[in-house]
Amino acid sequence: MGIARVLLTASDATTRERLEGRELGSELEQELAASLREARLLDLRAHVNTVRVATDGRLVTDIAREVIAATGWTGLHPAGRA
């Protein structure tokens, strides 16, 4: 099995909402600007075969299922291996 690349994405609005729940005061705008800048760089520099998984408004379990499907990982191990 080769390398599986998965990039979790969120809209700018979702990113703002999530950061508002974590950051206080003047740090919010600074963190938001940095987060948006980094997201753009990740998107531009991601390998051509990178699978993008949107996280907006989704349950963690649904996101995890999509990531597992994208990677081909089943969680099954050969006999005698963990």
N, C-alpha and C. Protein backbone atom coordinates (compact mmCIF):
# COMPACT_ATOMS: atom_id res chain seq x y z
N MET A 1 0.84 -1.18 0.00
CA MET A 1 0.00 0.00 0.00
C MET A 1 0.88 1.24 0.00
N GLY A 2 0.58 2.21 -0.82
CA GLY A 2 1.37 3.43 -0.93
C GLY A 2 0.95 4.47 0.09
N ILE A 3 1.45 5.64 -0.11
CA ILE A 3 1.14 6.75 0.78
C ILE A 3 -0.23 7.30 0.43
N ALA A 4 -1.03 7.54 1.45
CA ALA A 4 -2.34 8.16 1.25
C ALA A 4 -2.28 9.57 1.84
N ARG A 5 -2.62 10.54 1.04
CA ARG A 5 -2.61 11.93 1.49
C ARG A 5 -4.04 12.41 1.62
N VAL A 6 -4.36 12.92 2.81
CA VAL A 6 -5.71 13.43 3.05
C VAL A 6 -5.58 14.81 3.68
N LEU A 7 -6.29 15.76 3.15
CA LEU A 7 -6.30 17.12 3.66
C LEU A 7 -7.71 17.45 4.15
N LEU A 8 -7.83 17.70 5.46
CA LEU A 8 -9.12 18.09 6.01
C LEU A 8 -9.32 19.57 5.73
N THR A 9 -10.49 19.92 5.21
CA THR A 9 -10.76 21.31 4.85
C THR A 9 -11.98 21.84 5.59
N ALA A 10 -12.04 23.16 5.65
CA ALA A 10 -13.20 23.84 6.23
C ALA A 10 -13.34 25.20 5.54
N SER A 11 -14.54 25.68 5.43
CA SER A 11 -14.76 26.99 4.84
C SER A 11 -14.21 28.07 5.77
N ASP A 12 -14.03 29.26 5.24
CA ASP A 12 -13.56 30.37 6.07
C ASP A 12 -14.53 30.63 7.22
N ALA A 13 -15.84 30.52 6.95
CA ALA A 13 -16.84 30.76 7.99
C ALA A 13 -16.73 29.72 9.11
N THR A 14 -16.54 28.46 8.74
CA THR A 14 -16.39 27.41 9.74
C THR A 14 -15.11 27.60 10.53
N THR A 15 -14.04 27.97 9.85
CA THR A 15 -12.77 28.23 10.53
C THR A 15 -12.94 29.33 11.56
N ARG A 16 -13.60 30.41 11.18
CA ARG A 16 -13.83 31.52 12.11
C ARG A 16 -14.64 31.04 13.32
N GLU A 17 -15.70 30.30 13.06
CA GLU A 17 -16.55 29.81 14.15
C GLU A 17 -15.76 28.94 15.13
N ARG A 18 -14.93 28.07 14.60
CA ARG A 18 -14.13 27.19 15.45
C ARG A 18 -13.11 27.98 16.26
N LEU A 19 -12.46 28.94 15.62
CA LEU A 19 -11.47 29.74 16.34
C LEU A 19 -12.11 30.64 17.38
N GLU A 20 -13.30 31.14 17.11
CA GLU A 20 -14.01 31.97 18.10
C GLU A 20 -14.28 31.19 19.38
N GLY A 21 -14.40 29.88 19.26
CA GLY A 21 -14.64 29.05 20.42
C GLY A 21 -13.38 28.77 21.22
N ARG A 22 -12.20 29.07 20.62
CA ARG A 22 -10.93 28.76 21.29
C ARG A 22 -10.10 29.97 21.66
N GLU A 23 -10.18 31.02 20.88
CA GLU A 23 -9.29 32.17 21.05
C GLU A 23 -10.02 33.32 21.76
N LEU A 24 -9.25 34.10 22.48
CA LEU A 24 -9.80 35.23 23.22
C LEU A 24 -9.23 36.56 22.72
N GLY A 25 -10.05 37.59 22.77
CA GLY A 25 -9.60 38.95 22.50
C GLY A 25 -8.88 39.13 21.18
N SER A 26 -7.79 39.90 21.26
CA SER A 26 -7.04 40.28 20.06
C SER A 26 -6.37 39.09 19.38
N GLU A 27 -6.22 38.00 20.09
CA GLU A 27 -5.59 36.83 19.50
C GLU A 27 -6.44 36.22 18.39
N LEU A 28 -7.75 36.41 18.46
CA LEU A 28 -8.65 35.81 17.48
C LEU A 28 -8.30 36.23 16.05
N GLU A 29 -8.23 37.51 15.79
CA GLU A 29 -7.97 37.98 14.43
C GLU A 29 -6.60 37.53 13.93
N GLN A 30 -5.63 37.53 14.81
CA GLN A 30 -4.29 37.08 14.46
C GLN A 30 -4.29 35.59 14.11
N GLU A 31 -4.95 34.79 14.93
CA GLU A 31 -5.03 33.35 14.67
C GLU A 31 -5.84 33.05 13.42
N LEU A 32 -6.90 33.80 13.21
CA LEU A 32 -7.73 33.61 12.02
C LEU A 32 -6.93 33.90 10.76
N ALA A 33 -6.21 35.01 10.74
CA ALA A 33 -5.40 35.36 9.57
C ALA A 33 -4.35 34.28 9.31
N ALA A 34 -3.69 33.82 10.36
CA ALA A 34 -2.67 32.78 10.21
C ALA A 34 -3.29 31.48 9.71
N SER A 35 -4.43 31.11 10.25
CA SER A 35 -5.10 29.88 9.85
C SER A 35 -5.51 29.92 8.38
N LEU A 36 -6.09 31.02 7.96
CA LEU A 36 -6.52 31.15 6.57
C LEU A 36 -5.32 31.12 5.62
N ARG A 37 -4.25 31.79 6.01
CA ARG A 37 -3.03 31.80 5.19
C ARG A 37 -2.47 30.38 5.06
N GLU A 38 -2.39 29.67 6.16
CA GLU A 38 -1.85 28.30 6.15
C GLU A 38 -2.76 27.36 5.35
N ALA A 39 -4.06 27.54 5.45
CA ALA A 39 -4.99 26.70 4.69
C ALA A 39 -4.79 26.89 3.20
N ARG A 40 -4.60 28.13 2.77
CA ARG A 40 -4.37 28.41 1.35
C ARG A 40 -3.06 27.76 0.88
N LEU A 41 -2.02 27.87 1.70
CA LEU A 41 -0.73 27.26 1.35
C LEU A 41 -0.85 25.74 1.25
N LEU A 42 -1.53 25.14 2.22
CA LEU A 42 -1.72 23.69 2.18
C LEU A 42 -2.45 23.28 0.91
N ASP A 43 -3.47 24.02 0.56
CA ASP A 43 -4.26 23.69 -0.62
C ASP A 43 -3.41 23.81 -1.89
N LEU A 44 -2.63 24.87 -1.97
CA LEU A 44 -1.79 25.09 -3.16
C LEU A 44 -0.65 24.09 -3.27
N ARG A 45 -0.08 23.69 -2.14
CA ARG A 45 1.11 22.85 -2.15
C ARG A 45 0.82 21.36 -1.99
N ALA A 46 -0.43 21.02 -1.79
CA ALA A 46 -0.77 19.61 -1.60
C ALA A 46 -0.48 18.83 -2.88
N HIS A 47 -0.02 17.61 -2.70
CA HIS A 47 0.26 16.71 -3.82
C HIS A 47 -0.99 16.55 -4.67
N VAL A 48 -0.79 16.35 -5.95
CA VAL A 48 -1.91 16.24 -6.89
C VAL A 48 -2.89 15.13 -6.51
N ASN A 49 -2.41 14.07 -5.86
CA ASN A 49 -3.27 12.95 -5.48
C ASN A 49 -3.89 13.09 -4.10
N THR A 50 -3.74 14.24 -3.49
CA THR A 50 -4.30 14.45 -2.16
C THR A 50 -5.82 14.46 -2.22
N VAL A 51 -6.42 13.71 -1.32
CA VAL A 51 -7.89 13.68 -1.20
C VAL A 51 -8.28 14.76 -0.21
N ARG A 52 -9.19 15.61 -0.59
CA ARG A 52 -9.67 16.66 0.30
C ARG A 52 -10.99 16.24 0.91
N VAL A 53 -11.06 16.34 2.23
CA VAL A 53 -12.27 15.94 2.95
C VAL A 53 -12.82 17.17 3.67
N ALA A 54 -14.00 17.59 3.24
CA ALA A 54 -14.64 18.75 3.86
C ALA A 54 -15.16 18.37 5.25
N THR A 55 -14.96 19.26 6.21
CA THR A 55 -15.38 18.99 7.59
C THR A 55 -16.55 19.86 8.04
N ASP A 56 -16.96 20.79 7.23
CA ASP A 56 -18.02 21.73 7.61
C ASP A 56 -19.32 21.00 7.97
N GLY A 57 -19.82 21.27 9.18
CA GLY A 57 -21.12 20.76 9.59
C GLY A 57 -21.22 19.25 9.67
N ARG A 58 -20.09 18.56 9.80
CA ARG A 58 -20.11 17.10 9.80
C ARG A 58 -19.68 16.55 11.15
N LEU A 59 -20.16 15.37 11.47
CA LEU A 59 -19.75 14.68 12.68
C LEU A 59 -18.36 14.09 12.49
N VAL A 60 -17.61 14.02 13.57
CA VAL A 60 -16.26 13.45 13.52
C VAL A 60 -16.30 12.03 12.96
N THR A 61 -17.29 11.25 13.35
CA THR A 61 -17.36 9.86 12.87
C THR A 61 -17.55 9.80 11.35
N ASP A 62 -18.33 10.73 10.80
CA ASP A 62 -18.53 10.75 9.35
C ASP A 62 -17.25 11.16 8.62
N ILE A 63 -16.53 12.11 9.19
CA ILE A 63 -15.25 12.53 8.60
C ILE A 63 -14.27 11.37 8.65
N ALA A 64 -14.22 10.69 9.78
CA ALA A 64 -13.31 9.55 9.94
C ALA A 64 -13.62 8.46 8.92
N ARG A 65 -14.89 8.17 8.70
CA ARG A 65 -15.27 7.16 7.71
C ARG A 65 -14.77 7.54 6.32
N GLU A 66 -14.90 8.81 5.98
CA GLU A 66 -14.46 9.26 4.66
C GLU A 66 -12.94 9.18 4.54
N VAL A 67 -12.23 9.54 5.61
CA VAL A 67 -10.76 9.43 5.59
C VAL A 67 -10.34 7.97 5.44
N ILE A 68 -10.97 7.10 6.20
CA ILE A 68 -10.64 5.67 6.10
C ILE A 68 -10.91 5.15 4.69
N ALA A 69 -12.02 5.54 4.11
CA ALA A 69 -12.34 5.11 2.75
C ALA A 69 -11.31 5.65 1.75
N ALA A 70 -10.89 6.89 1.95
CA ALA A 70 -9.93 7.51 1.03
C ALA A 70 -8.55 6.85 1.11
N THR A 71 -8.20 6.37 2.28
CA THR A 71 -6.88 5.77 2.46
C THR A 71 -6.86 4.28 2.14
N GLY A 72 -8.03 3.66 2.11
CA GLY A 72 -8.10 2.24 1.86
C GLY A 72 -7.80 1.41 3.09
N TRP A 73 -7.61 2.07 4.23
CA TRP A 73 -7.30 1.36 5.48
C TRP A 73 -8.58 0.73 6.02
N THR A 74 -8.49 -0.55 6.34
CA THR A 74 -9.68 -1.25 6.85
C THR A 74 -9.60 -1.55 8.33
N GLY A 75 -8.41 -1.39 8.91
CA GLY A 75 -8.26 -1.72 10.32
C GLY A 75 -7.95 -3.18 10.56
N LEU A 76 -7.94 -3.98 9.50
CA LEU A 76 -7.64 -5.39 9.62
C LEU A 76 -6.14 -5.61 9.47
N HIS A 77 -5.57 -6.39 10.35
CA HIS A 77 -4.15 -6.68 10.33
C HIS A 77 -3.93 -8.15 9.99
N PRO A 78 -2.83 -8.44 9.34
CA PRO A 78 -2.51 -9.85 9.05
C PRO A 78 -2.41 -10.63 10.36
N ALA A 79 -2.69 -11.92 10.31
CA ALA A 79 -2.65 -12.77 11.50
C ALA A 79 -1.33 -12.62 12.23
N GLY A 80 -1.43 -12.47 13.55
CA GLY A 80 -0.24 -12.40 14.40
C GLY A 80 0.40 -11.03 14.46
N ARG A 81 -0.17 -10.03 13.80
CA ARG A 81 0.40 -8.68 13.83
C ARG A 81 -0.62 -7.72 14.39
N ALA A 82 -0.17 -6.76 15.15
CA ALA A 82 -1.06 -5.75 15.73
C ALA A 82 -1.12 -4.53 14.88
